[in-house]
Amino acid sequence: MLRRTLLTLAAAALASPAAWAQAYPSKPIRLVVPFPAGGATDLLARALAQRLGQSLGQTVVVDNKSGGGGSLGSAEVAKAAPDGYTLLIATSSTHAIGPHLNPKLPYKTTGPNSDFTPIAHVADATNVLLVPLDLPVKNVKELIAYAKARPGQLNYASSGNGTIVHLTSEAFKAQAGLFITHIPYRGTALAIPDLVSNKVQLLFDSIVSGMPHVKDGKLRALAVTGRTRSALAPELPTVSESGLPGFVSTTWFGIYGPRGLPADITARLNAEFNKAMQSADVRERLARLGADVAAANTPAQFAALVQADSDRWAALIRDRKITLD
C-alpha cells in the first residue's frame, strides 16, 4: 500500500506544472531569426544562443526563416506549440512597424489578442545621421536651419519604404518641421555613393556600417539617434542634445514565444536571457554590432515598451501617409 501511494504521489508530481518547469528544457530549443544569416539580428541571435545553451545545458539552434520583411519567421513561431522549444528574436520592424504597414499579417503582435508571449527585451541599436562633406553644416542645429531655408531642395536616402531608416527620417522631418524629399534605395549601402557625391544630403545609417565612411574622410557624422551617446563614437552627440530635443529612434531586439507559453517557462527564459545579456562575451559582440545591452527587464516591461513603440510608429505612419508602395 505504501509503495502504491508513493508511486501515485510521484506520478502526480511529474504531471504538475512545477515538475515540468524543473525538467525544462529536456531537448534542443529552436531560436527563429526572421531575417537572413549575417545581419545584425542573426549575429545577435547566435551570440545569445551560444551563451543560453551553456546556461541551460541544451543546444539552442538558430534557424533563419527570412522573407516578407520578417513576417514568415514570425508567423511560424506564432503557430508553434507553446512549450518553450520554439522562440523568436523579433525587432521593431517585425512587431512595432510591420503590422501598421501590412494589416493583413496572419498574426497580432501587441495587446490582449497578441499571438506572441513577450519574454525579454535584449538589446537596442542606434543609427548615425550622415551628410556629405560638401554640405555646409557641422551639427543638427545647423542642418535644420539650412534645410528650412531651402524647402524641397534637399533629399534624404533610406533603405526602402517602411523601413526603420525611412520612418526615422520622417520622424526627424516631422519634429523639425522640414520639407525634404525621400529617395528610397534597396539598402543603405547603395545610397552611400550618392550621399558622398551630394546627390542626396541626409542618411540615417547603422552606426556600424556608417562610421567607416566617416573615418575614411568621405562623409560627415552629425549625431546618433539613441537616448545616450554610443560607445562606438562617443565624440558624437545625440540628435536630442545637439538640436532637436527629445528626438530618439532606436531599433529594439527582443525574445518572444508563441501565445500561451506557461508562466513558469516564460519566467525561466526571461531570467536566462537577462543573465546572458550581462556576460562579457555577449556584450563585446553586441558592441561590435553597434548595439547596447538592454537593462534587465520583465516580460511585462518588454510588452509595455513594444506597445509604446507600436503606438508611436502607428501615429507617424498614419499622419505621414507612409505605405510600402
Protein backbone atom coordinates (compact mmCIF):
# COMPACT_ATOMS: atom_id res chain seq x y z
CA MET A 1 0.00 0.00 0.00
CA LEU A 2 2.80 2.39 0.93
CA ARG A 3 4.61 1.62 -2.32
CA ARG A 4 1.48 2.29 -4.37
CA THR A 5 0.92 5.56 -2.51
CA LEU A 6 4.47 6.70 -3.17
CA LEU A 7 4.18 5.81 -6.84
CA THR A 8 0.91 7.73 -7.09
CA LEU A 9 2.44 10.81 -5.46
CA ALA A 10 5.46 10.60 -7.73
CA ALA A 11 3.26 10.39 -10.82
CA ALA A 12 1.24 13.38 -9.67
CA ALA A 13 4.40 15.38 -9.09
CA LEU A 14 5.67 14.58 -12.58
CA ALA A 15 2.36 15.67 -14.06
CA SER A 16 2.37 19.02 -12.27
CA PRO A 17 3.46 22.27 -13.98
CA ALA A 18 6.18 22.78 -11.39
CA ALA A 19 7.74 19.45 -12.27
CA TRP A 20 7.61 20.24 -15.95
CA ALA A 21 9.31 23.60 -15.28
CA GLN A 22 12.09 21.84 -13.41
CA ALA A 23 12.52 19.44 -16.33
CA TYR A 24 12.61 22.24 -18.90
CA PRO A 25 14.46 22.17 -21.18
CA SER A 26 14.79 18.48 -21.93
CA LYS A 27 15.63 18.85 -25.64
CA PRO A 28 17.16 21.43 -28.01
CA ILE A 29 15.50 24.85 -28.34
CA ARG A 30 14.97 26.49 -31.73
CA LEU A 31 15.52 30.26 -31.93
CA VAL A 32 13.94 31.54 -35.13
CA VAL A 33 15.56 34.54 -36.82
CA PRO A 34 13.09 36.07 -39.32
CA PHE A 35 15.92 37.58 -41.40
CA PRO A 36 18.82 36.20 -43.48
CA ALA A 37 22.07 34.97 -41.95
CA GLY A 38 24.82 37.53 -41.45
CA GLY A 39 22.68 40.50 -40.46
CA ALA A 40 22.60 42.19 -37.06
CA THR A 41 19.58 40.21 -35.84
CA ASP A 42 21.21 36.92 -36.85
CA LEU A 43 24.55 37.76 -35.24
CA LEU A 44 22.84 38.80 -32.02
CA ALA A 45 20.81 35.58 -32.01
CA ARG A 46 23.94 33.46 -32.42
CA ALA A 47 25.71 35.21 -29.56
CA LEU A 48 22.69 34.65 -27.32
CA ALA A 49 22.19 31.05 -28.46
CA GLN A 50 25.72 30.09 -27.53
CA ARG A 51 25.51 31.64 -24.05
CA LEU A 52 21.99 30.34 -23.41
CA GLY A 53 22.93 26.84 -24.47
CA GLN A 54 25.76 26.79 -21.95
CA SER A 55 23.48 28.04 -19.18
CA LEU A 56 20.54 25.71 -19.92
CA GLY A 57 22.57 22.64 -20.74
CA GLN A 58 20.76 22.22 -24.06
CA THR A 59 21.64 23.19 -27.60
CA VAL A 60 19.95 26.37 -28.86
CA VAL A 61 19.70 26.12 -32.63
CA VAL A 62 19.48 29.33 -34.67
CA ASP A 63 17.05 28.86 -37.56
CA ASN A 64 16.89 31.58 -40.24
CA LYS A 65 13.39 31.85 -41.73
CA SER A 66 13.59 35.03 -43.78
CA GLY A 67 11.01 36.60 -46.07
CA GLY A 68 8.16 39.04 -46.04
CA GLY A 69 10.07 41.62 -44.01
CA GLY A 70 10.30 39.19 -41.11
CA SER A 71 6.68 38.03 -41.32
CA LEU A 72 7.39 34.45 -42.47
CA GLY A 73 9.55 33.54 -39.49
CA SER A 74 7.28 35.42 -37.10
CA ALA A 75 4.21 33.58 -38.39
CA GLU A 76 5.93 30.23 -37.91
CA VAL A 77 6.58 30.96 -34.25
CA ALA A 78 3.06 32.29 -33.74
CA LYS A 79 1.73 28.90 -34.88
CA ALA A 80 4.20 26.80 -32.88
CA ALA A 81 3.35 24.79 -29.79
CA PRO A 82 3.66 26.95 -26.63
CA ASP A 83 6.13 24.62 -24.94
CA GLY A 84 9.26 26.79 -24.84
CA TYR A 85 11.09 24.93 -27.60
CA THR A 86 10.34 27.43 -30.39
CA LEU A 87 11.30 31.04 -29.77
CA LEU A 88 11.59 34.17 -31.92
CA ILE A 89 14.05 37.02 -31.91
CA ALA A 90 11.99 40.00 -33.08
CA THR A 91 12.72 43.65 -33.81
CA SER A 92 10.97 47.00 -34.05
CA SER A 93 10.39 46.25 -37.73
CA THR A 94 8.59 42.95 -37.18
CA HIS A 95 6.47 43.80 -34.14
CA ALA A 96 6.07 47.59 -33.90
CA ILE A 97 6.22 48.78 -37.51
CA GLY A 98 5.28 45.92 -39.83
CA PRO A 99 1.72 45.40 -38.53
CA HIS A 100 0.83 49.03 -39.36
CA LEU A 101 2.21 48.80 -42.88
CA ASN A 102 0.69 45.40 -43.60
CA PRO A 103 -2.63 44.96 -41.74
CA LYS A 104 -3.13 41.58 -43.47
CA LEU A 105 -0.39 39.88 -41.45
CA PRO A 106 -1.63 36.50 -40.15
CA TYR A 107 -0.90 37.39 -36.52
CA LYS A 108 -1.20 40.17 -33.95
CA THR A 109 1.88 41.45 -32.16
CA THR A 110 0.50 43.62 -29.33
CA GLY A 111 -2.47 43.85 -26.99
CA PRO A 112 -4.51 41.16 -25.25
CA ASN A 113 -5.09 39.26 -28.50
CA SER A 114 -1.40 39.04 -29.40
CA ASP A 115 -0.26 35.75 -30.89
CA PHE A 116 3.04 36.00 -29.01
CA THR A 117 4.23 35.77 -25.42
CA PRO A 118 6.79 38.50 -24.64
CA ILE A 119 9.84 37.13 -22.82
CA ALA A 120 12.63 39.71 -22.71
CA HIS A 121 13.95 42.90 -24.27
CA VAL A 122 17.60 42.13 -25.00
CA ALA A 123 19.22 45.00 -26.93
CA ASP A 124 18.88 48.31 -28.76
CA ALA A 125 20.72 49.58 -31.84
CA THR A 126 21.20 53.20 -32.77
CA ASN A 127 21.72 54.99 -36.09
CA VAL A 128 24.04 57.80 -37.08
CA LEU A 129 23.00 60.88 -39.06
CA LEU A 130 25.33 61.26 -42.06
CA VAL A 131 25.69 64.14 -44.51
CA PRO A 132 28.07 64.88 -47.43
CA LEU A 133 31.29 66.74 -46.74
CA ASP A 134 30.11 69.37 -49.24
CA LEU A 135 27.05 70.23 -47.15
CA PRO A 136 27.95 73.34 -45.10
CA VAL A 137 26.62 72.11 -41.76
CA LYS A 138 28.53 70.84 -38.72
CA ASN A 139 25.71 69.87 -36.36
CA VAL A 140 21.98 69.10 -36.21
CA LYS A 141 21.00 72.67 -35.38
CA GLU A 142 22.82 73.97 -38.47
CA LEU A 143 21.31 71.21 -40.63
CA ILE A 144 17.77 72.12 -39.58
CA ALA A 145 18.39 75.81 -40.28
CA TYR A 146 19.96 75.00 -43.66
CA ALA A 147 17.05 72.77 -44.69
CA LYS A 148 14.40 75.23 -43.53
CA ALA A 149 15.99 77.90 -45.70
CA ARG A 150 15.76 75.57 -48.73
CA PRO A 151 12.38 73.83 -48.59
CA GLY A 152 12.10 70.99 -51.11
CA GLN A 153 15.72 71.34 -52.24
CA LEU A 154 17.27 68.61 -50.09
CA ASN A 155 16.86 64.84 -50.43
CA TYR A 156 17.23 62.10 -47.86
CA ALA A 157 18.06 58.48 -48.59
CA SER A 158 16.53 55.40 -46.99
CA SER A 159 16.83 51.64 -47.25
CA GLY A 160 13.31 51.44 -48.69
CA ASN A 161 9.72 52.38 -47.95
CA GLY A 162 8.54 51.44 -44.49
CA THR A 163 11.99 50.60 -43.11
CA ILE A 164 13.22 51.94 -39.79
CA VAL A 165 15.57 54.25 -41.73
CA HIS A 166 12.61 55.69 -43.65
CA LEU A 167 10.50 56.14 -40.52
CA THR A 168 13.36 57.67 -38.54
CA SER A 169 13.89 60.20 -41.31
CA GLU A 170 10.17 61.04 -41.42
CA ALA A 171 10.09 61.42 -37.64
CA PHE A 172 13.06 63.78 -37.89
CA LYS A 173 11.33 65.80 -40.63
CA ALA A 174 8.08 65.99 -38.71
CA GLN A 175 9.63 67.08 -35.43
CA ALA A 176 11.94 69.62 -37.07
CA GLY A 177 9.25 70.92 -39.45
CA LEU A 178 11.25 70.23 -42.63
CA PHE A 179 10.33 69.66 -46.28
CA ILE A 180 12.90 67.15 -47.60
CA THR A 181 12.30 64.66 -50.43
CA HIS A 182 12.53 60.91 -49.84
CA ILE A 183 14.76 58.86 -52.19
CA PRO A 184 14.40 55.13 -51.37
CA TYR A 185 17.21 52.66 -52.12
CA ARG A 186 17.40 48.89 -51.78
CA GLY A 187 19.63 49.11 -48.73
CA THR A 188 21.68 51.95 -47.26
CA ALA A 189 24.92 50.64 -48.80
CA LEU A 190 23.55 51.51 -52.25
CA ALA A 191 22.84 55.06 -51.10
CA ILE A 192 26.36 55.81 -49.89
CA PRO A 193 27.87 56.77 -53.31
CA ASP A 194 25.05 59.27 -53.91
CA LEU A 195 25.48 60.67 -50.40
CA VAL A 196 29.23 61.08 -50.94
CA SER A 197 28.59 62.91 -54.23
CA ASN A 198 25.89 65.11 -52.62
CA LYS A 199 23.06 63.80 -54.81
CA VAL A 200 21.27 63.07 -51.53
CA GLN A 201 22.02 65.09 -48.41
CA LEU A 202 20.93 63.01 -45.39
CA LEU A 203 21.05 59.38 -44.34
CA PHE A 204 20.30 57.73 -41.00
CA ASP A 205 22.55 54.67 -41.29
CA SER A 206 23.58 51.94 -38.88
CA ILE A 207 26.48 53.23 -36.83
CA VAL A 208 28.50 50.10 -37.70
CA SER A 209 28.15 50.46 -41.47
CA GLY A 210 28.11 54.27 -41.49
CA MET A 211 31.10 55.25 -39.36
CA PRO A 212 33.80 53.64 -41.56
CA HIS A 213 32.90 56.15 -44.30
CA VAL A 214 33.33 58.94 -41.77
CA LYS A 215 36.72 57.62 -40.64
CA ASP A 216 37.77 57.33 -44.29
CA GLY A 217 37.02 61.03 -44.73
CA LYS A 218 34.15 60.52 -47.20
CA LEU A 219 31.18 61.63 -45.07
CA ARG A 220 30.43 63.74 -42.01
CA ALA A 221 28.58 62.36 -38.98
CA LEU A 222 26.44 64.83 -37.08
CA ALA A 223 24.80 62.84 -34.30
CA VAL A 224 23.44 59.49 -33.15
CA THR A 225 19.76 58.70 -32.65
CA GLY A 226 19.85 56.94 -29.29
CA ARG A 227 18.94 58.21 -25.85
CA THR A 228 22.62 58.32 -24.96
CA ARG A 229 25.89 58.58 -26.85
CA SER A 230 27.26 55.44 -28.47
CA ALA A 231 30.39 53.69 -27.20
CA LEU A 232 31.40 53.22 -30.86
CA ALA A 233 31.50 57.00 -31.42
CA PRO A 234 31.46 58.71 -28.01
CA GLU A 235 32.52 62.02 -29.56
CA LEU A 236 29.18 62.29 -31.37
CA PRO A 237 26.28 63.94 -29.53
CA THR A 238 22.75 62.60 -29.70
CA VAL A 239 20.26 64.27 -32.03
CA SER A 240 18.35 65.28 -28.91
CA GLU A 241 21.24 67.12 -27.30
CA SER A 242 22.50 68.74 -30.49
CA GLY A 243 19.48 70.47 -31.95
CA LEU A 244 16.24 68.52 -31.70
CA PRO A 245 15.35 67.97 -28.03
CA GLY A 246 13.51 64.73 -27.26
CA PHE A 247 14.25 63.03 -30.58
CA VAL A 248 15.05 59.32 -30.18
CA SER A 249 14.92 56.46 -32.65
CA THR A 250 16.35 53.05 -31.88
CA THR A 251 15.80 49.53 -33.10
CA TRP A 252 14.98 47.19 -30.23
CA PHE A 253 15.55 43.44 -30.23
CA GLY A 254 13.50 41.07 -28.08
CA ILE A 255 12.58 37.46 -27.49
CA TYR A 256 9.08 36.03 -27.90
CA GLY A 257 7.41 32.67 -27.60
CA PRO A 258 4.03 31.64 -29.02
CA ARG A 259 0.86 32.77 -27.27
CA GLY A 260 0.04 30.65 -24.24
CA LEU A 261 3.60 29.98 -23.13
CA PRO A 262 3.35 28.81 -19.48
CA ALA A 263 4.24 31.47 -16.92
CA ASP A 264 6.92 29.33 -15.27
CA ILE A 265 8.73 28.70 -18.56
CA THR A 266 8.39 32.38 -19.51
CA ALA A 267 9.93 33.39 -16.18
CA ARG A 268 12.77 30.88 -16.58
CA LEU A 269 13.60 32.11 -20.07
CA ASN A 270 13.36 35.75 -19.01
CA ALA A 271 15.90 35.14 -16.25
CA GLU A 272 18.21 33.24 -18.60
CA PHE A 273 18.14 35.89 -21.33
CA ASN A 274 18.69 38.69 -18.81
CA LYS A 275 21.68 36.77 -17.46
CA ALA A 276 23.05 36.08 -20.94
CA MET A 277 22.98 39.78 -21.81
CA GLN A 278 25.24 40.57 -18.88
CA SER A 279 28.01 38.19 -19.96
CA ALA A 280 31.23 39.81 -21.18
CA ASP A 281 31.37 37.91 -24.47
CA VAL A 282 27.81 38.85 -25.46
CA ARG A 283 28.40 42.49 -24.53
CA GLU A 284 31.59 42.54 -26.59
CA ARG A 285 29.88 41.03 -29.63
CA LEU A 286 26.99 43.48 -29.34
CA ALA A 287 29.37 46.42 -29.14
CA ARG A 288 30.83 45.36 -32.49
CA LEU A 289 27.30 45.46 -33.91
CA GLY A 290 26.69 48.95 -32.56
CA ALA A 291 24.07 47.64 -30.15
CA ASP A 292 23.57 48.37 -26.47
CA VAL A 293 22.58 45.72 -23.96
CA ALA A 294 19.10 46.28 -22.53
CA ALA A 295 18.78 46.67 -18.77
CA ALA A 296 17.36 43.62 -17.01
CA ASN A 297 13.60 43.65 -17.55
CA THR A 298 10.43 41.63 -17.02
CA PRO A 299 8.08 40.30 -19.73
CA ALA A 300 5.55 42.95 -18.70
CA GLN A 301 8.11 45.73 -19.10
CA PHE A 302 9.08 44.40 -22.52
CA ALA A 303 5.42 44.27 -23.58
CA ALA A 304 4.93 47.88 -22.44
CA LEU A 305 7.98 49.04 -24.41
CA VAL A 306 6.72 47.36 -27.59
CA GLN A 307 3.22 48.76 -27.15
CA ALA A 308 4.55 52.30 -26.76
CA ASP A 309 6.83 51.89 -29.77
CA SER A 310 3.98 50.44 -31.82
CA ASP A 311 1.69 53.35 -30.92
CA ARG A 312 4.37 55.86 -31.85
CA TRP A 313 5.09 54.39 -35.29
CA ALA A 314 1.39 53.82 -35.98
CA ALA A 315 0.74 57.54 -35.50
CA LEU A 316 3.66 58.52 -37.73
CA ILE A 317 2.65 56.07 -40.48
CA ARG A 318 -0.91 57.38 -40.38
CA ASP A 319 -0.01 61.06 -40.22
CA ARG A 320 2.67 60.89 -42.92
CA LYS A 321 0.61 58.51 -45.09
CA ILE A 322 3.51 56.04 -45.36
CA THR A 323 2.96 52.89 -47.39
CA LEU A 324 5.10 50.02 -48.69
CA ASP A 325 4.45 51.05 -52.30
